[in-house]
Amino acid sequence: MRRKNIFFRSIPIFFILAFSLLGTEARAYQVSARSAIFSNSTNGVRYYGKNVNTKVQPASTTKVMTALLVLKRLSLDTVVTVSKNATSPQPSKIYVKEGESYRVRDLLYALLLLSANDAAVVLAEAVSGSEENFVKEMNEYARRLGATHTRFVNTHGLPSKVKQYTTSYDMYLIFREALKQGFFREALQSKYKTISSTAGRKIPLKSHNKILFSEDWERKIYGKTGYTRAAQSCFVGYLMKGKSICIIAVFGCSRRWQDIKHIVSKYGGIDL
């Protein structure tokens, strides 16, 4: 009888411990991103998804599509000239001056490292004659890639009266296509670059991707950042898992870098 009483007295303790453990699990890290995707683009396996088809503001991840279209249409050594209109976007920018000339490769470095909004307009005008025409081509190209829930309204991702949007899945498709361009991959891996106009005005660049500079990341993730107040923090990038290319995209984050590390390590099994 005494043993039976001990057993029944131990039952409440068991349930207290069990609920305590459940509470700990409930308090585990919660991804702050409004929308996110992490996929192995080599074999097509999706490791993680959260609202992958929800429309979000792309901010400067827009520049992935800008860079991709420029790389498809212009030689890296093509020299382009700055118009007055191209000097007007708000920072981030390299403060190009009307009449200056640059090689396409240098403006692409400015676009992808420093996220230069004025460089985006210079390149767009060189390809299509105007930013408006270039944006039409961006949207047409997005649809051809299957990114059917995306609408770009400018080349840089700054807020606009007309709403622009994408989804984490659509940006995954766009970024996957951009990775086919060797220059695009090389630029994303660069911490610093110094570019110059054809007249010799030198402009130092530093990547906005903080992962490249952090000692907390033993393995690097190479990608393009984005931020506006409305969009919050965004990122789309890639890393290798063996011989496979894995792509992560997060949008609407309040804890961008923590989200990325959690998703990649927990769901992809990749030690960062």
Protein backbone atom coordinates (compact mmCIF):
# COMPACT_ATOMS: atom_id res chain seq x y z
CA MET A 1 0.00 0.00 0.00
CA ARG A 2 2.85 2.36 0.88
CA ARG A 3 4.52 1.79 -2.51
CA LYS A 4 1.23 2.54 -4.28
CA ASN A 5 0.93 5.86 -2.42
CA ILE A 6 4.46 6.82 -3.40
CA PHE A 7 3.62 6.05 -7.04
CA PHE A 8 0.48 8.19 -7.07
CA ARG A 9 2.26 11.05 -5.28
CA SER A 10 4.93 10.99 -8.02
CA ILE A 11 2.38 11.43 -10.85
CA PRO A 12 1.82 15.19 -10.28
CA ILE A 13 5.58 15.75 -10.24
CA PHE A 14 5.87 13.94 -13.58
CA PHE A 15 3.26 16.18 -15.18
CA ILE A 16 4.83 19.31 -13.74
CA LEU A 17 8.16 18.35 -15.29
CA ALA A 18 6.51 17.46 -18.59
CA PHE A 19 4.68 20.79 -18.85
CA SER A 20 7.84 22.59 -17.82
CA LEU A 21 9.69 21.02 -20.73
CA LEU A 22 6.86 21.92 -23.09
CA GLY A 23 7.04 25.48 -21.88
CA THR A 24 10.77 25.56 -22.58
CA GLU A 25 10.13 24.32 -26.10
CA ALA A 26 7.46 26.98 -26.58
CA ARG A 27 9.99 29.60 -25.54
CA ALA A 28 12.50 28.32 -28.12
CA TYR A 29 13.71 30.69 -30.84
CA GLN A 30 10.93 32.08 -33.01
CA VAL A 31 11.83 33.24 -36.53
CA SER A 32 11.03 36.95 -36.78
CA ALA A 33 10.87 37.01 -40.59
CA ARG A 34 7.44 37.56 -42.05
CA SER A 35 8.41 35.34 -44.98
CA ALA A 36 11.38 33.00 -45.40
CA ILE A 37 12.66 30.12 -47.49
CA PHE A 38 15.73 27.90 -47.30
CA SER A 39 16.24 25.43 -50.14
CA ASN A 40 18.87 23.25 -51.71
CA SER A 41 18.74 24.59 -55.25
CA THR A 42 20.92 21.78 -56.58
CA ASN A 43 18.58 18.92 -55.72
CA GLY A 44 15.37 20.89 -55.18
CA VAL A 45 14.91 19.99 -51.49
CA ARG A 46 13.27 22.67 -49.37
CA TYR A 47 14.58 22.66 -45.81
CA TYR A 48 12.39 25.43 -44.42
CA GLY A 49 9.54 27.64 -45.47
CA LYS A 50 7.43 30.30 -43.79
CA ASN A 51 4.76 32.14 -45.78
CA VAL A 52 6.80 31.56 -48.94
CA ASN A 53 4.07 32.95 -51.22
CA THR A 54 3.13 35.92 -49.05
CA LYS A 55 3.76 39.26 -50.77
CA VAL A 56 6.49 41.31 -49.09
CA GLN A 57 8.40 44.46 -49.95
CA PRO A 58 11.79 43.57 -51.46
CA ALA A 59 13.76 46.71 -50.50
CA SER A 60 17.30 46.46 -51.95
CA THR A 61 17.04 42.76 -52.79
CA THR A 62 15.44 44.30 -55.90
CA LYS A 63 19.02 44.89 -57.05
CA VAL A 64 19.48 41.15 -57.60
CA MET A 65 17.11 41.39 -60.56
CA THR A 66 18.72 44.65 -61.69
CA ALA A 67 22.16 43.06 -61.69
CA LEU A 68 20.91 39.92 -63.43
CA LEU A 69 19.33 41.84 -66.29
CA VAL A 70 22.39 44.08 -66.71
CA LEU A 71 24.67 41.04 -66.84
CA LYS A 72 22.46 39.53 -69.52
CA ARG A 73 22.51 42.65 -71.65
CA LEU A 74 25.85 44.45 -71.23
CA SER A 75 29.53 43.54 -71.30
CA LEU A 76 31.36 44.16 -68.04
CA ASP A 77 33.82 46.43 -69.85
CA THR A 78 31.15 48.59 -71.49
CA VAL A 79 31.56 52.25 -70.56
CA VAL A 80 28.36 54.09 -69.62
CA THR A 81 27.71 57.77 -68.95
CA VAL A 82 25.78 59.29 -66.04
CA SER A 83 22.66 61.32 -66.81
CA LYS A 84 21.29 64.10 -64.63
CA ASN A 85 18.35 61.88 -63.72
CA ALA A 86 20.68 59.16 -62.39
CA THR A 87 22.09 61.53 -59.75
CA SER A 88 18.69 61.99 -58.05
CA PRO A 89 18.05 58.78 -56.00
CA GLN A 90 18.43 58.91 -52.24
CA PRO A 91 21.30 57.11 -50.42
CA SER A 92 22.76 54.57 -50.26
CA LYS A 93 24.67 55.90 -53.27
CA ILE A 94 28.13 56.58 -54.64
CA TYR A 95 27.20 60.14 -55.61
CA VAL A 96 27.78 59.83 -59.32
CA LYS A 97 28.04 63.12 -61.20
CA GLU A 98 26.32 64.05 -64.43
CA GLY A 99 28.63 63.42 -67.38
CA GLU A 100 30.90 60.97 -65.53
CA SER A 101 31.62 57.62 -67.17
CA TYR A 102 32.10 54.23 -65.54
CA ARG A 103 32.65 50.66 -66.63
CA VAL A 104 29.66 48.40 -66.07
CA ARG A 105 31.65 46.10 -63.77
CA ASP A 106 32.44 48.98 -61.40
CA LEU A 107 28.82 50.07 -61.19
CA LEU A 108 27.77 46.48 -60.52
CA TYR A 109 30.22 46.31 -57.61
CA ALA A 110 28.68 49.53 -56.28
CA LEU A 111 25.21 48.03 -56.74
CA LEU A 112 25.91 44.72 -55.00
CA LEU A 113 28.35 45.75 -52.24
CA LEU A 114 27.33 49.27 -51.24
CA SER A 115 23.75 48.90 -52.56
CA ALA A 116 24.16 52.13 -54.53
CA ASN A 117 20.79 53.38 -55.76
CA ASP A 118 22.27 55.84 -58.24
CA ALA A 119 24.37 53.06 -59.82
CA ALA A 120 21.14 51.12 -60.41
CA VAL A 121 19.65 53.98 -62.41
CA VAL A 122 22.82 54.55 -64.48
CA LEU A 123 22.88 50.87 -65.42
CA ALA A 124 19.17 50.75 -66.19
CA GLU A 125 19.41 53.72 -68.53
CA ALA A 126 22.41 52.16 -70.27
CA VAL A 127 20.43 48.97 -70.95
CA SER A 128 16.98 50.29 -71.81
CA GLY A 129 17.25 54.03 -72.35
CA SER A 130 15.20 54.82 -69.24
CA GLU A 131 14.55 53.35 -65.83
CA GLU A 132 10.88 52.96 -66.71
CA ASN A 133 11.66 50.79 -69.74
CA PHE A 134 14.18 48.77 -67.73
CA VAL A 135 11.61 48.06 -65.01
CA LYS A 136 9.25 46.68 -67.66
CA GLU A 137 12.00 44.29 -68.70
CA MET A 138 12.62 43.34 -65.06
CA ASN A 139 8.99 42.33 -64.65
CA GLU A 140 8.90 40.44 -67.94
CA TYR A 141 12.03 38.54 -66.98
CA ALA A 142 10.63 37.75 -63.53
CA ARG A 143 7.54 36.19 -65.11
CA ARG A 144 9.70 34.09 -67.43
CA LEU A 145 11.53 32.75 -64.40
CA GLY A 146 8.24 31.80 -62.76
CA ALA A 147 8.28 34.69 -60.29
CA THR A 148 4.64 35.48 -60.96
CA HIS A 149 3.91 37.15 -57.61
CA THR A 150 6.52 39.88 -58.09
CA ARG A 151 6.13 43.45 -59.29
CA PHE A 152 9.05 45.85 -59.50
CA VAL A 153 8.44 49.58 -59.86
CA ASN A 154 12.04 50.79 -59.74
CA THR A 155 15.56 49.40 -60.03
CA HIS A 156 16.73 49.86 -56.44
CA GLY A 157 13.88 49.02 -54.08
CA LEU A 158 13.36 52.43 -52.48
CA PRO A 159 9.76 53.15 -51.40
CA SER A 160 7.44 54.30 -54.16
CA LYS A 161 3.90 55.60 -54.48
CA VAL A 162 3.15 52.47 -56.50
CA LYS A 163 3.56 49.38 -54.35
CA GLN A 164 6.22 46.90 -55.35
CA TYR A 165 6.36 43.41 -53.96
CA THR A 166 7.86 39.97 -54.22
CA THR A 167 7.72 36.71 -52.25
CA SER A 168 10.51 34.72 -50.67
CA TYR A 169 9.87 31.95 -53.20
CA ASP A 170 9.97 34.36 -56.15
CA MET A 171 13.21 35.90 -54.91
CA TYR A 172 14.64 32.41 -54.52
CA LEU A 173 13.92 31.83 -58.23
CA ILE A 174 15.46 35.15 -59.25
CA PHE A 175 18.55 34.67 -57.09
CA ARG A 176 19.01 31.11 -58.35
CA GLU A 177 19.14 32.45 -61.91
CA ALA A 178 21.56 35.24 -60.94
CA LEU A 179 23.96 32.70 -59.44
CA LYS A 180 24.57 31.36 -62.94
CA GLN A 181 26.55 34.54 -63.58
CA GLY A 182 30.16 34.18 -62.42
CA PHE A 183 30.61 37.90 -61.84
CA PHE A 184 27.53 37.99 -59.61
CA ARG A 185 28.94 35.26 -57.36
CA GLU A 186 32.34 36.91 -57.23
CA ALA A 187 30.91 40.31 -56.32
CA LEU A 188 28.86 38.89 -53.44
CA GLN A 189 31.99 37.31 -51.98
CA SER A 190 33.86 40.64 -51.93
CA LYS A 191 34.20 42.53 -48.66
CA TYR A 192 35.81 45.60 -50.17
CA LYS A 193 36.40 47.10 -53.59
CA THR A 194 37.70 50.39 -54.86
CA ILE A 195 36.15 51.49 -58.12
CA SER A 196 36.83 54.54 -60.23
CA SER A 197 35.29 56.64 -62.94
CA THR A 198 37.06 56.63 -66.29
CA ALA A 199 38.48 60.02 -65.28
CA GLY A 200 40.07 58.45 -62.21
CA ARG A 201 37.75 59.47 -59.35
CA LYS A 202 38.17 56.64 -56.85
CA ILE A 203 35.29 55.38 -54.71
CA PRO A 204 35.85 52.88 -51.86
CA LEU A 205 33.13 50.27 -51.32
CA LYS A 206 32.34 48.06 -48.34
CA SER A 207 29.80 45.25 -48.42
CA HIS A 208 26.60 45.67 -46.41
CA ASN A 209 26.64 41.92 -45.67
CA LYS A 210 27.77 41.83 -42.02
CA ILE A 211 28.24 38.06 -42.12
CA LEU A 212 31.42 38.58 -44.16
CA PHE A 213 33.02 40.54 -41.31
CA SER A 214 31.76 38.65 -38.27
CA GLU A 215 33.97 36.21 -36.36
CA ASP A 216 30.79 34.56 -35.08
CA TRP A 217 30.24 32.99 -38.50
CA GLU A 218 32.78 30.28 -39.25
CA ARG A 219 31.07 29.70 -42.60
CA LYS A 220 30.03 32.64 -44.70
CA ILE A 221 26.76 33.24 -46.49
CA TYR A 222 27.11 35.43 -49.56
CA GLY A 223 24.18 37.58 -50.50
CA LYS A 224 22.34 40.86 -50.89
CA THR A 225 20.87 42.80 -48.01
CA GLY A 226 17.86 45.09 -48.02
CA TYR A 227 16.21 47.46 -45.59
CA THR A 228 13.55 50.15 -45.48
CA ARG A 229 11.31 51.06 -42.57
CA ALA A 230 8.32 49.55 -44.32
CA ALA A 231 10.08 46.40 -45.53
CA GLN A 232 12.21 45.92 -42.41
CA SER A 233 15.38 43.87 -42.82
CA CYS A 234 15.73 41.49 -45.77
CA PHE A 235 18.38 39.20 -47.17
CA VAL A 236 18.83 36.70 -49.98
CA GLY A 237 22.02 34.70 -50.23
CA TYR A 238 23.69 31.34 -50.68
CA LEU A 239 26.15 28.93 -49.13
CA MET A 240 27.48 25.51 -50.01
CA LYS A 241 26.42 22.22 -48.41
CA GLY A 242 28.91 19.73 -49.79
CA LYS A 243 28.63 20.19 -53.54
CA SER A 244 25.11 21.63 -53.33
CA ILE A 245 24.14 25.29 -53.50
CA CYS A 246 21.70 26.30 -50.78
CA ILE A 247 19.73 29.55 -51.01
CA ILE A 248 18.14 31.41 -48.12
CA ALA A 249 15.79 34.38 -48.37
CA VAL A 250 14.25 36.23 -45.41
CA PHE A 251 11.93 39.24 -45.51
CA GLY A 252 10.34 41.49 -42.91
CA CYS A 253 12.82 40.60 -40.17
CA SER A 254 13.39 42.28 -36.83
CA ARG A 255 16.29 39.88 -36.16
CA ARG A 256 17.71 39.22 -39.62
CA TRP A 257 21.08 37.67 -38.80
CA GLN A 258 19.73 35.57 -35.93
CA ASP A 259 16.92 34.30 -38.17
CA ILE A 260 19.37 33.26 -40.85
CA LYS A 261 21.68 31.45 -38.44
CA HIS A 262 18.77 29.62 -36.79
CA ILE A 263 17.16 28.50 -40.04
CA VAL A 264 20.38 27.35 -41.68
CA SER A 265 21.71 25.47 -38.67
CA LYS A 266 18.46 23.94 -37.37
CA TYR A 267 16.72 23.05 -40.59
CA GLY A 268 19.67 22.66 -42.95
CA GLY A 269 21.93 20.92 -40.48
CA ILE A 270 24.78 23.23 -41.43
CA ASP A 271 27.17 24.25 -38.67
CA LEU A 272 27.80 27.99 -38.84
